[in-house]
Amino acid sequence: MDSRKIFGLLGGGLLLLSGVYALQQPFREYPGVEYDNFPLPPDYQEKTEWAFARLMYPPFSGGRGYGYRYSRDWTLGASNWTIDYPRSDRHFAQALRRLTRVHARSVEQPVNLDDGDEVYHWPWLYGVEVGHWDLTDHQAKTLREYLLRGGFFMCDDFHGTREWDVFLASMQRVFPDRPIVEIENKDAIFHTIFNLDERYQVPGWVKYPFYTTYEQDGIEPHWRGIYDDKGRLMVAICFDMDLGDSWEHADNPEYPEKYSALGIRIGVNYVVYAMTH
């Protein structure tokens, strides 16, 4: 192939990439429950191959005052989806940069399923406190389509029977016909970068000074998932654990290093799996 054709293809590829970036929502910040003025890293506008996409969702508020609404309008931030945000996201992105060759953006991207095709620009999606979410039928349909097209959803930081039931009510609207199963140790997701046969419960900061590691009746941690028809894991469910806190407090000397170490390794494996499967 002559040089003119090579440069033409390269130019076309760059134009296509520029078009993809143009269609994405720009970086945006929201007030969090715990942080509302977290400093931006100097390279936050860098274009990269991966970004930490954080799912925005409406909170569940039914039954005996259950659930934390924080703000009246979840689309404006300061709602359940902002727990640990943005400190957790940025710490994890920094760890991913150090531990892999993934070109990761230093800042996160909040993603609203009601924003047209926006979610399809972010192939890895993270949801926190999904024991407090309440997806609409439209949002559930969009999330299902996103996953069936090759997207990957990791969810985390929910505990006990009651929060599992709230999580399940929305997830069954996403996939009413697909079972949630325990992920076997031999699954590739536990062996993409790190071998994670030896896993243990990762507690949240709320358990300080960590005499116990579980919350509510969630004594045993579970790594569960939903697979597509070809055996690809689409949904990775981290139940009865709090990986988000292990990322958020990775620089906190009072948070045990062994929990951050495992939490980061699990997250790294999930990202690399999502990008290669």
C-alpha atoms as a PDB file:
ATOM      1  CA  MET A   1       0.000   0.000   0.000  1.00  0.00           C
ATOM      2  CA  ASP A   2       1.456   3.379  -0.954  1.00  0.00           C
ATOM      3  CA  SER A   3       2.033   6.169   1.533  1.00  0.00           C
ATOM      4  CA  ARG A   4      -0.879   8.282   0.284  1.00  0.00           C
ATOM      5  CA  LYS A   5      -3.352   5.479   1.032  1.00  0.00           C
ATOM      6  CA  ILE A   6      -1.786   4.861   4.440  1.00  0.00           C
ATOM      7  CA  PHE A   7      -2.042   8.522   5.405  1.00  0.00           C
ATOM      8  CA  GLY A   8      -5.558   8.620   3.994  1.00  0.00           C
ATOM      9  CA  LEU A   9      -6.637   5.722   6.199  1.00  0.00           C
ATOM     10  CA  LEU A  10      -4.934   7.233   9.211  1.00  0.00           C
ATOM     11  CA  GLY A  11      -6.595  10.554   8.520  1.00  0.00           C
ATOM     12  CA  GLY A  12      -9.968   8.884   8.140  1.00  0.00           C
ATOM     13  CA  GLY A  13      -9.465   7.046  11.418  1.00  0.00           C
ATOM     14  CA  LEU A  14      -8.596  10.262  13.205  1.00  0.00           C
ATOM     15  CA  LEU A  15     -11.641  11.967  11.763  1.00  0.00           C
ATOM     16  CA  LEU A  16     -13.831   9.092  12.913  1.00  0.00           C
ATOM     17  CA  LEU A  17     -12.302   9.220  16.403  1.00  0.00           C
ATOM     18  CA  SER A  18     -12.849  12.961  16.498  1.00  0.00           C
ATOM     19  CA  GLY A  19     -16.464  12.378  15.549  1.00  0.00           C
ATOM     20  CA  VAL A  20     -16.900   9.902  18.400  1.00  0.00           C
ATOM     21  CA  TYR A  21     -15.454  12.373  20.900  1.00  0.00           C
ATOM     22  CA  ALA A  22     -17.718  15.092  19.511  1.00  0.00           C
ATOM     23  CA  LEU A  23     -20.806  12.954  20.126  1.00  0.00           C
ATOM     24  CA  GLN A  24     -19.926  12.248  23.746  1.00  0.00           C
ATOM     25  CA  GLN A  25     -21.144  14.445  26.543  1.00  0.00           C
ATOM     26  CA  PRO A  26     -18.315  16.670  27.771  1.00  0.00           C
ATOM     27  CA  PHE A  27     -16.764  16.056  31.171  1.00  0.00           C
ATOM     28  CA  ARG A  28     -19.116  17.246  33.865  1.00  0.00           C
ATOM     29  CA  GLU A  29     -19.080  17.368  37.646  1.00  0.00           C
ATOM     30  CA  TYR A  30     -21.854  17.173  40.220  1.00  0.00           C
ATOM     31  CA  PRO A  31     -21.979  17.756  43.958  1.00  0.00           C
ATOM     32  CA  GLY A  32     -21.478  14.504  45.838  1.00  0.00           C
ATOM     33  CA  VAL A  33     -22.847  13.313  49.150  1.00  0.00           C
ATOM     34  CA  GLU A  34     -19.349  13.352  50.664  1.00  0.00           C
ATOM     35  CA  TYR A  35     -17.419  15.714  48.355  1.00  0.00           C
ATOM     36  CA  ASP A  36     -18.471  18.818  46.472  1.00  0.00           C
ATOM     37  CA  ASN A  37     -15.169  20.542  45.746  1.00  0.00           C
ATOM     38  CA  PHE A  38     -12.628  17.865  44.873  1.00  0.00           C
ATOM     39  CA  PRO A  39      -9.554  19.250  43.017  1.00  0.00           C
ATOM     40  CA  LEU A  40      -9.255  18.469  39.312  1.00  0.00           C
ATOM     41  CA  PRO A  41      -6.009  16.858  38.090  1.00  0.00           C
ATOM     42  CA  PRO A  42      -4.123  18.965  35.542  1.00  0.00           C
ATOM     43  CA  ASP A  43      -4.650  16.468  32.686  1.00  0.00           C
ATOM     44  CA  TYR A  44      -8.398  16.014  33.174  1.00  0.00           C
ATOM     45  CA  GLN A  45      -9.177  17.064  29.579  1.00  0.00           C
ATOM     46  CA  GLU A  46      -6.909  14.440  28.009  1.00  0.00           C
ATOM     47  CA  LYS A  47      -8.505  12.164  25.392  1.00  0.00           C
ATOM     48  CA  THR A  48      -7.934   8.546  26.396  1.00  0.00           C
ATOM     49  CA  GLU A  49      -9.003   5.005  25.510  1.00  0.00           C
ATOM     50  CA  TRP A  50     -10.806   4.396  28.813  1.00  0.00           C
ATOM     51  CA  ALA A  51     -12.684   6.418  31.376  1.00  0.00           C
ATOM     52  CA  PHE A  52     -14.428   5.571  34.616  1.00  0.00           C
ATOM     53  CA  ALA A  53     -18.105   5.872  33.680  1.00  0.00           C
ATOM     54  CA  ARG A  54     -20.330   6.207  36.760  1.00  0.00           C
ATOM     55  CA  LEU A  55     -24.009   5.363  36.460  1.00  0.00           C
ATOM     56  CA  MET A  56     -26.487   8.029  37.500  1.00  0.00           C
ATOM     57  CA  TYR A  57     -29.836   6.629  38.668  1.00  0.00           C
ATOM     58  CA  PRO A  58     -33.011   7.576  40.539  1.00  0.00           C
ATOM     59  CA  PRO A  59     -33.031   6.373  44.168  1.00  0.00           C
ATOM     60  CA  PHE A  60     -35.528   3.989  45.692  1.00  0.00           C
ATOM     61  CA  SER A  61     -37.593   5.555  48.452  1.00  0.00           C
ATOM     62  CA  GLY A  62     -40.329   3.020  49.156  1.00  0.00           C
ATOM     63  CA  GLY A  63     -41.279   1.362  52.388  1.00  0.00           C
ATOM     64  CA  ARG A  64     -40.800   2.642  55.919  1.00  0.00           C
ATOM     65  CA  GLY A  65     -38.638   5.521  54.838  1.00  0.00           C
ATOM     66  CA  TYR A  66     -36.087   3.175  53.347  1.00  0.00           C
ATOM     67  CA  GLY A  67     -33.364   4.695  51.180  1.00  0.00           C
ATOM     68  CA  TYR A  68     -31.422   7.925  51.200  1.00  0.00           C
ATOM     69  CA  ARG A  69     -32.552  10.561  48.771  1.00  0.00           C
ATOM     70  CA  TYR A  70     -30.184  13.359  49.851  1.00  0.00           C
ATOM     71  CA  SER A  71     -31.125  15.838  47.096  1.00  0.00           C
ATOM     72  CA  ARG A  72     -34.610  16.172  45.662  1.00  0.00           C
ATOM     73  CA  ASP A  73     -33.423  15.806  42.075  1.00  0.00           C
ATOM     74  CA  TRP A  74     -30.998  12.931  41.479  1.00  0.00           C
ATOM     75  CA  THR A  75     -30.002  14.367  38.083  1.00  0.00           C
ATOM     76  CA  LEU A  76     -28.350  17.293  39.891  1.00  0.00           C
ATOM     77  CA  GLY A  77     -26.082  15.140  42.058  1.00  0.00           C
ATOM     78  CA  ALA A  78     -25.879  14.709  45.852  1.00  0.00           C
ATOM     79  CA  SER A  79     -27.830  11.467  45.500  1.00  0.00           C
ATOM     80  CA  ASN A  80     -27.026   7.801  46.173  1.00  0.00           C
ATOM     81  CA  TRP A  81     -25.169   7.411  42.891  1.00  0.00           C
ATOM     82  CA  THR A  82     -22.595   9.963  44.112  1.00  0.00           C
ATOM     83  CA  ILE A  83     -21.446   7.963  47.155  1.00  0.00           C
ATOM     84  CA  ASP A  84     -17.601   7.983  47.214  1.00  0.00           C
ATOM     85  CA  TYR A  85     -17.648  10.264  44.134  1.00  0.00           C
ATOM     86  CA  PRO A  86     -15.335  11.564  42.766  1.00  0.00           C
ATOM     87  CA  ARG A  87     -12.459  10.553  45.063  1.00  0.00           C
ATOM     88  CA  SER A  88     -13.009   6.821  44.560  1.00  0.00           C
ATOM     89  CA  ASP A  89     -13.185   7.107  40.762  1.00  0.00           C
ATOM     90  CA  ARG A  90     -10.011   9.174  40.462  1.00  0.00           C
ATOM     91  CA  HIS A  91      -8.003   7.015  42.826  1.00  0.00           C
ATOM     92  CA  PHE A  92      -8.990   3.930  40.855  1.00  0.00           C
ATOM     93  CA  ALA A  93      -8.139   5.554  37.517  1.00  0.00           C
ATOM     94  CA  GLN A  94      -4.716   6.473  38.911  1.00  0.00           C
ATOM     95  CA  ALA A  95      -4.170   2.880  40.065  1.00  0.00           C
ATOM     96  CA  LEU A  96      -5.217   1.520  36.668  1.00  0.00           C
ATOM     97  CA  ARG A  97      -2.637   3.770  35.016  1.00  0.00           C
ATOM     98  CA  ARG A  98       0.111   2.502  37.314  1.00  0.00           C
ATOM     99  CA  LEU A  99      -0.723  -1.194  37.195  1.00  0.00           C
ATOM    100  CA  THR A 100      -1.566  -1.603  33.503  1.00  0.00           C
ATOM    101  CA  ARG A 101      -0.854  -0.050  30.124  1.00  0.00           C
ATOM    102  CA  VAL A 102      -4.464   1.071  29.757  1.00  0.00           C
ATOM    103  CA  HIS A 103      -4.569   4.722  28.750  1.00  0.00           C
ATOM    104  CA  ALA A 104      -7.009   5.833  31.436  1.00  0.00           C
ATOM    105  CA  ARG A 105      -8.527   9.264  31.877  1.00  0.00           C
ATOM    106  CA  SER A 106      -7.760  10.845  35.218  1.00  0.00           C
ATOM    107  CA  VAL A 107     -11.364  11.894  35.831  1.00  0.00           C
ATOM    108  CA  GLU A 108     -14.666  10.080  35.775  1.00  0.00           C
ATOM    109  CA  GLN A 109     -17.746  10.513  33.585  1.00  0.00           C
ATOM    110  CA  PRO A 110     -21.232  10.503  35.155  1.00  0.00           C
ATOM    111  CA  VAL A 111     -23.619   8.794  32.700  1.00  0.00           C
ATOM    112  CA  ASN A 112     -27.396   9.243  32.657  1.00  0.00           C
ATOM    113  CA  LEU A 113     -29.312   6.496  30.834  1.00  0.00           C
ATOM    114  CA  ASP A 114     -31.881   9.105  29.816  1.00  0.00           C
ATOM    115  CA  ASP A 115     -29.302  11.040  27.757  1.00  0.00           C
ATOM    116  CA  GLY A 116     -30.093   9.475  24.390  1.00  0.00           C
ATOM    117  CA  ASP A 117     -27.228   7.267  23.158  1.00  0.00           C
ATOM    118  CA  GLU A 118     -24.689   8.608  25.647  1.00  0.00           C
ATOM    119  CA  VAL A 119     -24.131   5.334  27.513  1.00  0.00           C
ATOM    120  CA  TYR A 120     -22.950   3.600  24.325  1.00  0.00           C
ATOM    121  CA  HIS A 121     -19.827   5.777  24.277  1.00  0.00           C
ATOM    122  CA  TRP A 122     -18.628   4.312  27.573  1.00  0.00           C
ATOM    123  CA  PRO A 123     -18.053   0.539  27.343  1.00  0.00           C
ATOM    124  CA  TRP A 124     -17.372   0.104  31.085  1.00  0.00           C
ATOM    125  CA  LEU A 125     -19.989   1.328  33.557  1.00  0.00           C
ATOM    126  CA  TYR A 126     -19.913   1.341  37.360  1.00  0.00           C
ATOM    127  CA  GLY A 127     -22.870   1.608  39.729  1.00  0.00           C
ATOM    128  CA  VAL A 128     -22.520   2.200  43.467  1.00  0.00           C
ATOM    129  CA  GLU A 129     -25.117   1.512  46.171  1.00  0.00           C
ATOM    130  CA  VAL A 130     -27.393  -0.316  43.755  1.00  0.00           C
ATOM    131  CA  GLY A 131     -29.358  -1.549  46.755  1.00  0.00           C
ATOM    132  CA  HIS A 132     -30.847   1.941  46.612  1.00  0.00           C
ATOM    133  CA  TRP A 133     -31.544   2.325  42.897  1.00  0.00           C
ATOM    134  CA  ASP A 134     -34.909   2.331  41.161  1.00  0.00           C
ATOM    135  CA  LEU A 135     -34.547   2.217  37.386  1.00  0.00           C
ATOM    136  CA  THR A 136     -37.454   3.256  35.233  1.00  0.00           C
ATOM    137  CA  ASP A 137     -38.650   0.893  32.515  1.00  0.00           C
ATOM    138  CA  HIS A 138     -36.973   3.108  29.908  1.00  0.00           C
ATOM    139  CA  GLN A 139     -33.663   3.115  31.787  1.00  0.00           C
ATOM    140  CA  ALA A 140     -33.811  -0.663  32.230  1.00  0.00           C
ATOM    141  CA  LYS A 141     -34.407  -1.103  28.498  1.00  0.00           C
ATOM    142  CA  THR A 142     -31.468   1.166  27.648  1.00  0.00           C
ATOM    143  CA  LEU A 143     -29.161  -0.659  30.064  1.00  0.00           C
ATOM    144  CA  ARG A 144     -30.214  -4.016  28.594  1.00  0.00           C
ATOM    145  CA  GLU A 145     -29.499  -2.846  25.058  1.00  0.00           C
ATOM    146  CA  TYR A 146     -26.164  -1.392  26.147  1.00  0.00           C
ATOM    147  CA  LEU A 147     -25.104  -4.717  27.683  1.00  0.00           C
ATOM    148  CA  LEU A 148     -26.289  -6.844  24.778  1.00  0.00           C
ATOM    149  CA  ARG A 149     -24.287  -4.638  22.393  1.00  0.00           C
ATOM    150  CA  GLY A 150     -21.102  -5.427  24.310  1.00  0.00           C
ATOM    151  CA  GLY A 151     -21.140  -3.062  27.286  1.00  0.00           C
ATOM    152  CA  PHE A 152     -20.008  -4.109  30.762  1.00  0.00           C
ATOM    153  CA  PHE A 153     -21.632  -3.130  34.065  1.00  0.00           C
ATOM    154  CA  MET A 154     -19.909  -3.472  37.428  1.00  0.00           C
ATOM    155  CA  CYS A 155     -21.982  -2.782  40.533  1.00  0.00           C
ATOM    156  CA  ASP A 156     -20.870  -2.589  44.129  1.00  0.00           C
ATOM    157  CA  ASP A 157     -21.491  -1.444  47.708  1.00  0.00           C
ATOM    158  CA  PHE A 158     -24.802  -2.963  48.716  1.00  0.00           C
ATOM    159  CA  HIS A 159     -25.426  -5.291  51.590  1.00  0.00           C
ATOM    160  CA  GLY A 160     -27.892  -7.710  53.082  1.00  0.00           C
ATOM    161  CA  THR A 161     -31.232  -9.216  52.141  1.00  0.00           C
ATOM    162  CA  ARG A 162     -33.195  -6.006  51.948  1.00  0.00           C
ATOM    163  CA  GLU A 163     -30.806  -4.191  49.625  1.00  0.00           C
ATOM    164  CA  TRP A 164     -30.490  -7.299  47.464  1.00  0.00           C
ATOM    165  CA  ASP A 165     -34.264  -7.275  46.980  1.00  0.00           C
ATOM    166  CA  VAL A 166     -34.206  -3.618  45.920  1.00  0.00           C
ATOM    167  CA  PHE A 167     -31.333  -4.303  43.525  1.00  0.00           C
ATOM    168  CA  LEU A 168     -33.109  -7.329  42.091  1.00  0.00           C
ATOM    169  CA  ALA A 169     -36.336  -5.446  41.413  1.00  0.00           C
ATOM    170  CA  SER A 170     -34.538  -3.196  38.893  1.00  0.00           C
ATOM    171  CA  MET A 171     -32.128  -5.816  37.545  1.00  0.00           C
ATOM    172  CA  GLN A 172     -35.025  -8.129  36.717  1.00  0.00           C
ATOM    173  CA  ARG A 173     -36.477  -5.334  34.609  1.00  0.00           C
ATOM    174  CA  VAL A 174     -33.146  -5.209  32.791  1.00  0.00           C
ATOM    175  CA  PHE A 175     -32.903  -8.985  32.298  1.00  0.00           C
ATOM    176  CA  PRO A 176     -36.123 -10.763  33.291  1.00  0.00           C
ATOM    177  CA  ASP A 177     -35.006 -13.931  31.492  1.00  0.00           C
ATOM    178  CA  ARG A 178     -31.340 -14.228  32.522  1.00  0.00           C
ATOM    179  CA  PRO A 179     -30.208 -15.793  35.806  1.00  0.00           C
ATOM    180  CA  ILE A 180     -27.819 -14.230  38.270  1.00  0.00           C
ATOM    181  CA  VAL A 181     -25.152 -16.806  39.159  1.00  0.00           C
ATOM    182  CA  GLU A 182     -22.079 -17.055  41.342  1.00  0.00           C
ATOM    183  CA  ILE A 183     -18.953 -16.435  39.228  1.00  0.00           C
ATOM    184  CA  GLU A 184     -16.717 -19.485  39.412  1.00  0.00           C
ATOM    185  CA  ASN A 185     -13.086 -19.083  40.437  1.00  0.00           C
ATOM    186  CA  LYS A 186     -11.928 -20.428  37.069  1.00  0.00           C
ATOM    187  CA  ASP A 187     -13.687 -17.622  35.182  1.00  0.00           C
ATOM    188  CA  ALA A 188     -11.321 -15.466  33.130  1.00  0.00           C
ATOM    189  CA  ILE A 189     -12.402 -12.319  34.957  1.00  0.00           C
ATOM    190  CA  PHE A 190     -10.471 -13.483  38.013  1.00  0.00           C
ATOM    191  CA  HIS A 191      -7.321 -14.159  35.989  1.00  0.00           C
ATOM    192  CA  THR A 192      -6.941 -11.398  33.385  1.00  0.00           C
ATOM    193  CA  ILE A 193      -4.120  -9.521  35.162  1.00  0.00           C
ATOM    194  CA  PHE A 194      -4.123 -10.826  38.721  1.00  0.00           C
ATOM    195  CA  ASN A 195      -4.988 -14.335  39.868  1.00  0.00           C
ATOM    196  CA  LEU A 196      -7.766 -13.759  42.371  1.00  0.00           C
ATOM    197  CA  ASP A 197      -8.632 -17.213  43.656  1.00  0.00           C
ATOM    198  CA  GLU A 198      -8.035 -15.987  47.207  1.00  0.00           C
ATOM    199  CA  ARG A 199     -10.674 -13.323  47.762  1.00  0.00           C
ATOM    200  CA  TYR A 200     -12.203 -11.991  50.965  1.00  0.00           C
ATOM    201  CA  GLN A 201     -14.777  -9.465  52.062  1.00  0.00           C
ATOM    202  CA  VAL A 202     -13.755  -5.859  51.484  1.00  0.00           C
ATOM    203  CA  PRO A 203     -15.425  -3.588  54.069  1.00  0.00           C
ATOM    204  CA  GLY A 204     -16.495   0.005  53.841  1.00  0.00           C
ATOM    205  CA  TRP A 205     -15.072   2.796  55.955  1.00  0.00           C
ATOM    206  CA  VAL A 206     -18.239   2.617  58.069  1.00  0.00           C
ATOM    207  CA  LYS A 207     -16.764  -0.540  59.680  1.00  0.00           C
ATOM    208  CA  TYR A 208     -13.737   1.323  61.107  1.00  0.00           C
ATOM    209  CA  PRO A 209     -11.840   0.089  63.181  1.00  0.00           C
ATOM    210  CA  PHE A 210     -12.767  -3.137  61.328  1.00  0.00           C
ATOM    211  CA  TYR A 211     -13.566  -5.519  64.169  1.00  0.00           C
ATOM    212  CA  THR A 212     -16.109  -6.907  61.704  1.00  0.00           C
ATOM    213  CA  THR A 213     -16.248  -6.504  57.923  1.00  0.00           C
ATOM    214  CA  TYR A 214     -19.912  -7.079  57.061  1.00  0.00           C
ATOM    215  CA  GLU A 215     -22.971  -4.812  57.085  1.00  0.00           C
ATOM    216  CA  GLN A 216     -26.553  -5.724  57.956  1.00  0.00           C
ATOM    217  CA  ASP A 217     -27.027  -9.489  57.449  1.00  0.00           C
ATOM    218  CA  GLY A 218     -24.502  -9.674  54.582  1.00  0.00           C
ATOM    219  CA  ILE A 219     -21.957 -11.826  56.366  1.00  0.00           C
ATOM    220  CA  GLU A 220     -20.617 -13.676  53.322  1.00  0.00           C
ATOM    221  CA  PRO A 221     -19.336 -11.759  50.260  1.00  0.00           C
ATOM    222  CA  HIS A 222     -20.557 -12.813  46.827  1.00  0.00           C
ATOM    223  CA  TRP A 223     -19.108 -12.266  43.365  1.00  0.00           C
ATOM    224  CA  ARG A 224     -22.094 -12.783  41.094  1.00  0.00           C
ATOM    225  CA  GLY A 225     -22.789 -12.152  37.449  1.00  0.00           C
ATOM    226  CA  ILE A 226     -25.020 -12.304  34.397  1.00  0.00           C
ATOM    227  CA  TYR A 227     -23.700 -13.839  31.156  1.00  0.00           C
ATOM    228  CA  ASP A 228     -24.700 -13.332  27.542  1.00  0.00           C
ATOM    229  CA  ASP A 229     -25.496 -16.157  25.122  1.00  0.00           C
ATOM    230  CA  LYS A 230     -21.814 -16.565  24.216  1.00  0.00           C
ATOM    231  CA  GLY A 231     -20.616 -16.900  27.790  1.00  0.00           C
ATOM    232  CA  ARG A 232     -19.349 -13.324  28.148  1.00  0.00           C
ATOM    233  CA  LEU A 233     -19.885 -11.777  31.537  1.00  0.00           C
ATOM    234  CA  MET A 234     -22.002  -8.645  31.057  1.00  0.00           C
ATOM    235  CA  VAL A 235     -22.846  -7.745  34.661  1.00  0.00           C
ATOM    236  CA  ALA A 236     -20.379  -8.189  37.538  1.00  0.00           C
ATOM    237  CA  ILE A 237     -22.124  -7.922  40.900  1.00  0.00           C
ATOM    238  CA  CYS A 238     -19.988  -7.284  43.989  1.00  0.00           C
ATOM    239  CA  PHE A 239     -22.459  -8.023  46.789  1.00  0.00           C
ATOM    240  CA  ASP A 240     -21.863  -7.675  50.527  1.00  0.00           C
ATOM    241  CA  MET A 241     -18.653  -5.726  50.011  1.00  0.00           C
ATOM    242  CA  ASP A 242     -17.566  -2.145  49.360  1.00  0.00           C
ATOM    243  CA  LEU A 243     -14.857  -1.911  46.718  1.00  0.00           C
ATOM    244  CA  GLY A 244     -15.682   1.763  46.191  1.00  0.00           C
ATOM    245  CA  ASP A 245     -14.496   2.562  49.716  1.00  0.00           C
ATOM    246  CA  SER A 246     -11.343   0.500  49.171  1.00  0.00           C
ATOM    247  CA  TRP A 247     -10.527   2.787  46.235  1.00  0.00           C
ATOM    248  CA  GLU A 248     -11.673   5.957  47.961  1.00  0.00           C
ATOM    249  CA  HIS A 249      -9.525   5.305  51.034  1.00  0.00           C
ATOM    250  CA  ALA A 250      -6.497   3.855  49.267  1.00  0.00           C
ATOM    251  CA  ASP A 251      -4.474   6.845  50.519  1.00  0.00           C
ATOM    252  CA  ASN A 252      -5.911   6.744  54.040  1.00  0.00           C
ATOM    253  CA  PRO A 253      -3.408   5.217  56.525  1.00  0.00           C
ATOM    254  CA  GLU A 254      -6.293   4.207  58.811  1.00  0.00           C
ATOM    255  CA  TYR A 255      -7.857   2.020  56.112  1.00  0.00           C
ATOM    256  CA  PRO A 256      -6.091  -1.398  55.987  1.00  0.00           C
ATOM    257  CA  GLU A 257      -3.913  -1.781  52.920  1.00  0.00           C
ATOM    258  CA  LYS A 258      -4.982  -5.396  52.340  1.00  0.00           C
ATOM    259  CA  TYR A 259      -8.513  -4.286  51.536  1.00  0.00           C
ATOM    260  CA  SER A 260      -7.456  -1.570  49.109  1.00  0.00           C
ATOM    261  CA  ALA A 261      -5.004  -3.978  47.497  1.00  0.00           C
ATOM    262  CA  LEU A 262      -7.702  -6.549  46.790  1.00  0.00           C
ATOM    263  CA  GLY A 263     -10.318  -3.977  45.819  1.00  0.00           C
ATOM    264  CA  ILE A 264      -8.014  -2.373  43.255  1.00  0.00           C
ATOM    265  CA  ARG A 265      -6.966  -5.727  41.820  1.00  0.00           C
ATOM    266  CA  ILE A 266     -10.580  -6.793  41.384  1.00  0.00           C
ATOM    267  CA  GLY A 267     -11.375  -3.520  39.627  1.00  0.00           C
ATOM    268  CA  VAL A 268      -8.322  -3.803  37.360  1.00  0.00           C
ATOM    269  CA  ASN A 269      -9.301  -7.331  36.342  1.00  0.00           C
ATOM    270  CA  TYR A 270     -12.856  -6.225  35.607  1.00  0.00           C
ATOM    271  CA  VAL A 271     -11.715  -3.351  33.410  1.00  0.00           C
ATOM    272  CA  VAL A 272      -9.263  -5.463  31.407  1.00  0.00           C
ATOM    273  CA  TYR A 273     -11.835  -8.249  31.042  1.00  0.00           C
ATOM    274  CA  ALA A 274     -14.393  -5.741  29.775  1.00  0.00           C
ATOM    275  CA  MET A 275     -11.922  -4.429  27.195  1.00  0.00           C
ATOM    276  CA  THR A 276     -10.878  -7.871  25.931  1.00  0.00           C
ATOM    277  CA  HIS A 277     -14.043  -9.986  26.020  1.00  0.00           C
END
